[in-house]
C-alpha atoms as a PDB file:
ATOM      1  CA  MET A   1     161.134 255.094 153.694  1.00  0.00           C
ATOM      2  CA  ALA A   2     164.225 256.869 152.368  1.00  0.00           C
ATOM      3  CA  THR A   3     165.199 256.888 148.733  1.00  0.00           C
ATOM      4  CA  ALA A   4     168.489 257.883 147.158  1.00  0.00           C
ATOM      5  CA  VAL A   5     167.020 259.157 143.885  1.00  0.00           C
ATOM      6  CA  GLU A   6     163.500 259.855 142.718  1.00  0.00           C
ATOM      7  CA  THR A   7     162.759 260.083 139.024  1.00  0.00           C
ATOM      8  CA  LYS A   8     160.007 262.201 137.552  1.00  0.00           C
ATOM      9  CA  PRO A   9     156.728 260.445 136.764  1.00  0.00           C
ATOM     10  CA  THR A  10     156.135 259.534 133.140  1.00  0.00           C
ATOM     11  CA  ARG A  11     152.917 259.207 131.203  1.00  0.00           C
ATOM     12  CA  THR A  12     152.747 257.144 128.037  1.00  0.00           C
ATOM     13  CA  PRO A  13     150.634 258.051 124.983  1.00  0.00           C
ATOM     14  CA  ASP A  14     148.283 255.245 126.032  1.00  0.00           C
ATOM     15  CA  GLY A  15     147.607 256.964 129.345  1.00  0.00           C
ATOM     16  CA  GLU A  16     149.622 254.762 131.691  1.00  0.00           C
ATOM     17  CA  HIS A  17     151.512 256.474 134.517  1.00  0.00           C
ATOM     18  CA  ARG A  18     154.873 255.167 135.753  1.00  0.00           C
ATOM     19  CA  PHE A  19     156.933 256.455 138.651  1.00  0.00           C
ATOM     20  CA  LEU A  20     160.376 255.073 139.497  1.00  0.00           C
ATOM     21  CA  LEU A  21     161.960 255.215 142.961  1.00  0.00           C
ATOM     22  CA  ARG A  22     165.594 254.245 143.460  1.00  0.00           C
ATOM     23  CA  GLY A  23     167.312 253.210 146.668  1.00  0.00           C
ATOM     24  CA  VAL A  24     164.228 251.649 148.243  1.00  0.00           C
ATOM     25  CA  GLY A  25     164.929 248.968 150.859  1.00  0.00           C
ATOM     26  CA  TRP A  26     162.818 245.867 151.331  1.00  0.00           C
ATOM     27  CA  GLU A  27     160.920 247.492 154.204  1.00  0.00           C
ATOM     28  CA  GLY A  28     160.184 250.446 151.951  1.00  0.00           C
ATOM     29  CA  TYR A  29     158.882 248.091 149.255  1.00  0.00           C
ATOM     30  CA  GLU A  30     156.543 246.402 151.726  1.00  0.00           C
ATOM     31  CA  ALA A  31     155.389 249.827 152.905  1.00  0.00           C
ATOM     32  CA  LEU A  32     154.560 250.756 149.301  1.00  0.00           C
ATOM     33  CA  LEU A  33     152.531 247.548 148.935  1.00  0.00           C
ATOM     34  CA  ARG A  34     150.530 248.434 152.050  1.00  0.00           C
ATOM     35  CA  MET A  35     149.948 251.965 150.769  1.00  0.00           C
ATOM     36  CA  VAL A  36     148.512 250.818 147.428  1.00  0.00           C
ATOM     37  CA  ASP A  37     146.699 247.732 148.744  1.00  0.00           C
ATOM     38  CA  GLY A  38     143.328 247.433 147.037  1.00  0.00           C
ATOM     39  CA  GLY A  39     144.070 250.244 144.580  1.00  0.00           C
ATOM     40  CA  ARG A  40     144.879 250.268 140.881  1.00  0.00           C
ATOM     41  CA  VAL A  41     148.599 250.998 141.343  1.00  0.00           C
ATOM     42  CA  ARG A  42     150.983 248.100 140.763  1.00  0.00           C
ATOM     43  CA  VAL A  43     154.468 247.889 142.235  1.00  0.00           C
ATOM     44  CA  THR A  44     157.501 246.186 140.686  1.00  0.00           C
ATOM     45  CA  TYR A  45     160.568 245.775 142.889  1.00  0.00           C
ATOM     46  CA  ASP A  46     164.027 244.872 141.637  1.00  0.00           C
ATOM     47  CA  ARG A  47     166.911 244.925 144.122  1.00  0.00           C
ATOM     48  CA  GLY A  48     166.385 248.417 145.500  1.00  0.00           C
ATOM     49  CA  ASP A  49     164.404 250.016 142.679  1.00  0.00           C
ATOM     50  CA  ALA A  50     160.614 250.282 142.876  1.00  0.00           C
ATOM     51  CA  GLU A  51     158.326 251.251 140.005  1.00  0.00           C
ATOM     52  CA  LEU A  52     154.706 252.266 140.545  1.00  0.00           C
ATOM     53  CA  MET A  53     152.410 251.893 137.541  1.00  0.00           C
ATOM     54  CA  SER A  54     148.800 252.907 137.017  1.00  0.00           C
ATOM     55  CA  PRO A  55     147.433 250.775 134.131  1.00  0.00           C
ATOM     56  CA  SER A  56     145.433 252.286 131.288  1.00  0.00           C
ATOM     57  CA  GLN A  57     141.990 251.165 130.128  1.00  0.00           C
ATOM     58  CA  ASN A  58     143.595 249.344 127.191  1.00  0.00           C
ATOM     59  CA  HIS A  59     145.925 247.531 129.573  1.00  0.00           C
ATOM     60  CA  GLU A  60     143.004 246.328 131.682  1.00  0.00           C
ATOM     61  CA  PHE A  61     141.016 245.350 128.580  1.00  0.00           C
ATOM     62  CA  TYR A  62     143.809 243.148 127.223  1.00  0.00           C
ATOM     63  CA  LYS A  63     144.524 241.648 130.637  1.00  0.00           C
ATOM     64  CA  LYS A  64     140.907 240.601 131.123  1.00  0.00           C
ATOM     65  CA  VAL A  65     140.440 239.317 127.566  1.00  0.00           C
ATOM     66  CA  ILE A  66     143.592 237.162 127.602  1.00  0.00           C
ATOM     67  CA  GLY A  67     142.898 235.896 131.111  1.00  0.00           C
ATOM     68  CA  TRP A  68     139.334 234.956 130.177  1.00  0.00           C
ATOM     69  CA  MET A  69     140.488 233.163 127.016  1.00  0.00           C
ATOM     70  CA  LEU A  70     142.959 231.095 129.013  1.00  0.00           C
ATOM     71  CA  GLU A  71     140.410 230.164 131.673  1.00  0.00           C
ATOM     72  CA  THR A  72     137.878 229.215 129.000  1.00  0.00           C
ATOM     73  CA  ALA A  73     140.436 227.062 127.190  1.00  0.00           C
ATOM     74  CA  PHE A  74     141.455 225.346 130.426  1.00  0.00           C
ATOM     75  CA  GLU A  75     137.821 224.601 131.279  1.00  0.00           C
ATOM     76  CA  GLU A  76     136.764 223.390 127.839  1.00  0.00           C
ATOM     77  CA  LEU A  77     139.902 221.268 127.340  1.00  0.00           C
ATOM     78  CA  ASP A  78     139.709 219.733 130.828  1.00  0.00           C
ATOM     79  CA  ILE A  79     143.015 221.216 131.964  1.00  0.00           C
ATOM     80  CA  PRO A  80     143.029 221.464 135.786  1.00  0.00           C
ATOM     81  CA  TYR A  81     143.984 224.925 137.020  1.00  0.00           C
ATOM     82  CA  GLN A  82     143.791 227.494 139.795  1.00  0.00           C
ATOM     83  CA  ALA A  83     143.631 231.182 138.888  1.00  0.00           C
ATOM     84  CA  ALA A  84     145.715 233.504 141.067  1.00  0.00           C
ATOM     85  CA  GLY A  85     144.847 236.796 139.326  1.00  0.00           C
ATOM     86  CA  SER A  86     147.146 239.731 140.081  1.00  0.00           C
ATOM     87  CA  THR A  87     148.568 238.344 143.322  1.00  0.00           C
ATOM     88  CA  THR A  88     151.740 240.042 144.571  1.00  0.00           C
ATOM     89  CA  TRP A  89     154.641 237.583 144.417  1.00  0.00           C
ATOM     90  CA  ARG A  90     157.948 238.379 146.108  1.00  0.00           C
ATOM     91  CA  LYS A  91     161.187 236.845 147.331  1.00  0.00           C
ATOM     92  CA  GLN A  92     163.086 238.854 149.906  1.00  0.00           C
ATOM     93  CA  ALA A  93     166.266 236.791 149.484  1.00  0.00           C
ATOM     94  CA  ASP A  94     166.392 237.769 145.805  1.00  0.00           C
ATOM     95  CA  GLY A  95     165.176 241.320 146.409  1.00  0.00           C
ATOM     96  CA  ARG A  96     162.432 241.073 143.795  1.00  0.00           C
ATOM     97  CA  GLY A  97     158.660 241.220 143.591  1.00  0.00           C
ATOM     98  CA  LEU A  98     155.789 242.064 141.243  1.00  0.00           C
ATOM     99  CA  GLU A  99     152.146 241.549 140.357  1.00  0.00           C
ATOM    100  CA  ALA A 100     151.464 239.698 137.117  1.00  0.00           C
ATOM    101  CA  ASP A 101     148.478 240.846 135.084  1.00  0.00           C
ATOM    102  CA  GLU A 102     147.081 237.323 135.401  1.00  0.00           C
ATOM    103  CA  CYS A 103     148.653 234.100 136.618  1.00  0.00           C
ATOM    104  CA  PHE A 104     147.688 230.462 136.900  1.00  0.00           C
ATOM    105  CA  TYR A 105     148.720 227.304 138.671  1.00  0.00           C
ATOM    106  CA  LEU A 106     148.492 224.207 136.459  1.00  0.00           C
ATOM    107  CA  SER A 107     150.265 221.887 138.893  1.00  0.00           C
ATOM    108  CA  ASN A 108     150.483 221.561 142.691  1.00  0.00           C
ATOM    109  CA  LEU A 109     146.769 222.350 142.794  1.00  0.00           C
ATOM    110  CA  GLU A 110     146.028 220.609 146.096  1.00  0.00           C
ATOM    111  CA  LEU A 111     148.797 222.582 147.823  1.00  0.00           C
ATOM    112  CA  VAL A 112     147.642 225.846 146.266  1.00  0.00           C
ATOM    113  CA  HIS A 113     144.030 225.193 147.253  1.00  0.00           C
ATOM    114  CA  ARG A 114     144.992 224.280 150.797  1.00  0.00           C
ATOM    115  CA  LYS A 115     147.316 227.220 151.453  1.00  0.00           C
ATOM    116  CA  ARG A 116     145.520 229.882 149.370  1.00  0.00           C
ATOM    117  CA  ASN A 117     146.539 233.258 150.834  1.00  0.00           C
ATOM    118  CA  GLN A 118     149.486 231.748 152.724  1.00  0.00           C
ATOM    119  CA  LEU A 119     151.630 230.799 149.723  1.00  0.00           C
ATOM    120  CA  ASP A 120     155.272 231.771 150.222  1.00  0.00           C
ATOM    121  CA  LEU A 121     157.615 231.500 147.228  1.00  0.00           C
ATOM    122  CA  THR A 122     160.586 230.869 149.507  1.00  0.00           C
ATOM    123  CA  ILE A 123     159.115 227.423 150.254  1.00  0.00           C
ATOM    124  CA  ASP A 124     156.167 226.982 147.858  1.00  0.00           C
ATOM    125  CA  PRO A 125     156.090 226.602 144.065  1.00  0.00           C
ATOM    126  CA  ALA A 126     155.534 229.643 141.849  1.00  0.00           C
ATOM    127  CA  PRO A 127     152.617 229.909 139.409  1.00  0.00           C
ATOM    128  CA  ASP A 128     153.140 227.951 136.214  1.00  0.00           C
ATOM    129  CA  LEU A 129     151.927 230.623 133.778  1.00  0.00           C
ATOM    130  CA  ALA A 130     151.695 234.416 133.893  1.00  0.00           C
ATOM    131  CA  VAL A 131     150.260 237.032 131.535  1.00  0.00           C
ATOM    132  CA  GLU A 132     152.275 240.231 131.053  1.00  0.00           C
ATOM    133  CA  VAL A 133     150.635 243.127 129.175  1.00  0.00           C
ATOM    134  CA  GLU A 134     153.277 245.596 127.951  1.00  0.00           C
ATOM    135  CA  ILE A 135     151.370 248.559 126.512  1.00  0.00           C
ATOM    136  CA  SER A 136     154.137 250.715 127.936  1.00  0.00           C
ATOM    137  CA  ARG A 137     157.571 249.346 128.793  1.00  0.00           C
ATOM    138  CA  SER A 138     158.694 249.154 132.394  1.00  0.00           C
ATOM    139  CA  ALA A 139     161.912 250.895 133.398  1.00  0.00           C
ATOM    140  CA  LEU A 140     162.778 247.731 135.327  1.00  0.00           C
ATOM    141  CA  ASP A 141     163.597 244.247 134.061  1.00  0.00           C
ATOM    142  CA  ARG A 142     160.249 242.608 134.812  1.00  0.00           C
ATOM    143  CA  MET A 143     161.209 239.446 132.910  1.00  0.00           C
ATOM    144  CA  GLY A 144     164.240 239.154 135.164  1.00  0.00           C
ATOM    145  CA  VAL A 145     161.925 239.473 138.159  1.00  0.00           C
ATOM    146  CA  TYR A 146     159.623 236.765 136.763  1.00  0.00           C
ATOM    147  CA  ALA A 147     162.665 234.520 136.294  1.00  0.00           C
ATOM    148  CA  ALA A 148     163.899 235.119 139.852  1.00  0.00           C
ATOM    149  CA  LEU A 149     160.441 234.238 141.157  1.00  0.00           C
ATOM    150  CA  GLY A 150     160.541 230.973 139.203  1.00  0.00           C
ATOM    151  CA  ILE A 151     157.473 231.453 136.992  1.00  0.00           C
ATOM    152  CA  SER A 152     158.092 228.934 134.227  1.00  0.00           C
ATOM    153  CA  GLU A 153     155.993 230.431 131.423  1.00  0.00           C
ATOM    154  CA  VAL A 154     155.116 234.058 130.590  1.00  0.00           C
ATOM    155  CA  TRP A 155     152.742 235.243 127.849  1.00  0.00           C
ATOM    156  CA  ARG A 156     153.707 238.816 126.818  1.00  0.00           C
ATOM    157  CA  PHE A 157     151.349 241.016 124.810  1.00  0.00           C
ATOM    158  CA  ASP A 158     152.345 244.518 123.634  1.00  0.00           C
ATOM    159  CA  GLY A 159     149.077 245.490 121.962  1.00  0.00           C
ATOM    160  CA  GLU A 160     150.108 243.953 118.633  1.00  0.00           C
ATOM    161  CA  ASN A 161     151.986 240.717 119.168  1.00  0.00           C
ATOM    162  CA  LEU A 162     151.917 237.942 121.729  1.00  0.00           C
ATOM    163  CA  VAL A 163     155.137 236.099 122.618  1.00  0.00           C
ATOM    164  CA  ILE A 164     155.351 232.997 124.802  1.00  0.00           C
ATOM    165  CA  GLY A 165     158.505 232.620 126.882  1.00  0.00           C
ATOM    166  CA  ARG A 166     159.635 229.460 128.673  1.00  0.00           C
ATOM    167  CA  LEU A 167     162.091 229.724 131.563  1.00  0.00           C
ATOM    168  CA  GLU A 168     165.381 227.978 130.744  1.00  0.00           C
ATOM    169  CA  PRO A 169     167.683 226.356 133.336  1.00  0.00           C
ATOM    170  CA  GLU A 170     170.142 229.259 133.102  1.00  0.00           C
ATOM    171  CA  GLY A 171     167.407 231.646 134.248  1.00  0.00           C
ATOM    172  CA  ARG A 172     166.401 233.306 130.978  1.00  0.00           C
ATOM    173  CA  TYR A 173     163.219 233.057 128.935  1.00  0.00           C
ATOM    174  CA  ALA A 174     163.360 231.484 125.485  1.00  0.00           C
ATOM    175  CA  GLU A 175     160.621 232.247 122.958  1.00  0.00           C
ATOM    176  CA  VAL A 176     158.612 229.168 121.953  1.00  0.00           C
ATOM    177  CA  PRO A 177     156.062 228.876 119.118  1.00  0.00           C
ATOM    178  CA  VAL A 178     153.314 227.480 121.355  1.00  0.00           C
ATOM    179  CA  SER A 179     152.747 226.822 125.016  1.00  0.00           C
ATOM    180  CA  PRO A 180     153.769 223.267 125.949  1.00  0.00           C
ATOM    181  CA  ARG A 181     150.739 223.203 128.234  1.00  0.00           C
ATOM    182  CA  LEU A 182     148.308 224.572 125.628  1.00  0.00           C
ATOM    183  CA  PRO A 183     149.728 223.791 122.166  1.00  0.00           C
ATOM    184  CA  GLU A 184     146.270 223.896 120.591  1.00  0.00           C
ATOM    185  CA  LEU A 185     146.099 227.664 121.118  1.00  0.00           C
ATOM    186  CA  PRO A 186     148.998 229.398 119.291  1.00  0.00           C
ATOM    187  CA  PRO A 187     149.779 233.096 119.817  1.00  0.00           C
ATOM    188  CA  GLY A 188     148.380 234.073 116.418  1.00  0.00           C
ATOM    189  CA  GLU A 189     144.939 232.774 117.369  1.00  0.00           C
ATOM    190  CA  ILE A 190     145.015 234.675 120.660  1.00  0.00           C
ATOM    191  CA  VAL A 191     145.782 237.900 118.775  1.00  0.00           C
ATOM    192  CA  ARG A 192     143.047 237.184 116.218  1.00  0.00           C
ATOM    193  CA  TRP A 193     140.477 236.802 118.974  1.00  0.00           C
ATOM    194  CA  ILE A 194     141.737 239.959 120.715  1.00  0.00           C
ATOM    195  CA  ARG A 195     141.132 241.897 117.488  1.00  0.00           C
ATOM    196  CA  LEU A 196     137.616 240.417 117.319  1.00  0.00           C
ATOM    197  CA  ALA A 197     137.009 241.449 120.944  1.00  0.00           C
ATOM    198  CA  GLU A 198     138.055 245.018 120.097  1.00  0.00           C
ATOM    199  CA  ALA A 199     135.536 245.057 117.228  1.00  0.00           C
ATOM    200  CA  THR A 200     132.634 243.541 119.203  1.00  0.00           C
ATOM    201  CA  ALA A 201     130.442 245.856 121.277  1.00  0.00           C
ATOM    202  CA  ASN A 202     128.652 243.026 123.082  1.00  0.00           C
ATOM    203  CA  ARG A 203     131.181 241.141 125.210  1.00  0.00           C
ATOM    204  CA  ALA A 204     128.704 238.310 125.932  1.00  0.00           C
ATOM    205  CA  GLU A 205     128.401 237.659 122.199  1.00  0.00           C
ATOM    206  CA  TRP A 206     132.192 237.478 121.832  1.00  0.00           C
ATOM    207  CA  ASN A 207     132.424 235.161 124.851  1.00  0.00           C
ATOM    208  CA  ARG A 208     129.956 232.737 123.292  1.00  0.00           C
ATOM    209  CA  ARG A 209     131.746 232.793 119.955  1.00  0.00           C
ATOM    210  CA  PHE A 210     135.114 232.064 121.527  1.00  0.00           C
ATOM    211  CA  ARG A 211     133.778 229.248 123.710  1.00  0.00           C
ATOM    212  CA  ASP A 212     132.020 227.671 120.719  1.00  0.00           C
ATOM    213  CA  TRP A 213     135.260 227.934 118.708  1.00  0.00           C
ATOM    214  CA  VAL A 214     137.259 226.224 121.453  1.00  0.00           C
ATOM    215  CA  ARG A 215     134.753 223.374 121.572  1.00  0.00           C
ATOM    216  CA  ALA A 216     134.631 222.967 117.779  1.00  0.00           C
ATOM    217  CA  GLU A 217     138.296 223.529 116.895  1.00  0.00           C
ATOM    218  CA  LEU A 218     140.497 222.885 119.924  1.00  0.00           C
ATOM    219  CA  ARG A 219     138.735 220.000 121.647  1.00  0.00           C
ATOM    220  CA  PRO A 220     139.230 217.631 118.687  1.00  0.00           C
ATOM    221  CA  LYS A 221     142.928 218.538 118.526  1.00  0.00           C
ATOM    222  CA  ARG A 222     143.426 217.717 122.205  1.00  0.00           C
ATOM    223  CA  ALA A 223     141.423 214.520 121.914  1.00  0.00           C
ATOM    224  CA  GLY A 224     143.646 213.426 119.010  1.00  0.00           C
ATOM    225  CA  ARG A 225     146.941 213.944 120.865  1.00  0.00           C
END
């Protein structure tokens, strides 16, 4: 796997490590994926450039908390879904690929269930919603990669703010105030519950509180739509 340029690794104040390789062909990208398979290193590929990232503890904390909140909301509000976790999604024709922090299918569920590990974005639909934790900023245009993969909605959290982006026909994400699929749960409430999770030592206690809140506050809103 030859590369034209290799940059020096960087480490953010939060403890995340990033390493950028330039001039990596598609075969080199697939070789990198095999090398890190099952490990904690994530690979983003954008038309010849590959970035390896080792997430910090904070990154993993936010990823799990947001993912769990979404799954709980889907379950309690009777929204059908399939969780796809941090699956690697890629399109060779577009020269792009990445792993989302979390992603979900909210449509095409029978197809997704039937094909499972054989989904191919060249012929199959992309996930409907992805979670992107940005404690440190990628050197690559990950939102451009998401757009090329066709993921219609991305929730981005930088440790302070959560922004919901919807994919527009021209291939760019536009910020929206709430998710069209989950309008009962605005970004401000997600952030509020993240702050409560940070302040709660017992995760089971926080889980119960959030689930009870969804049942008491969000269920009536959905029932009244």
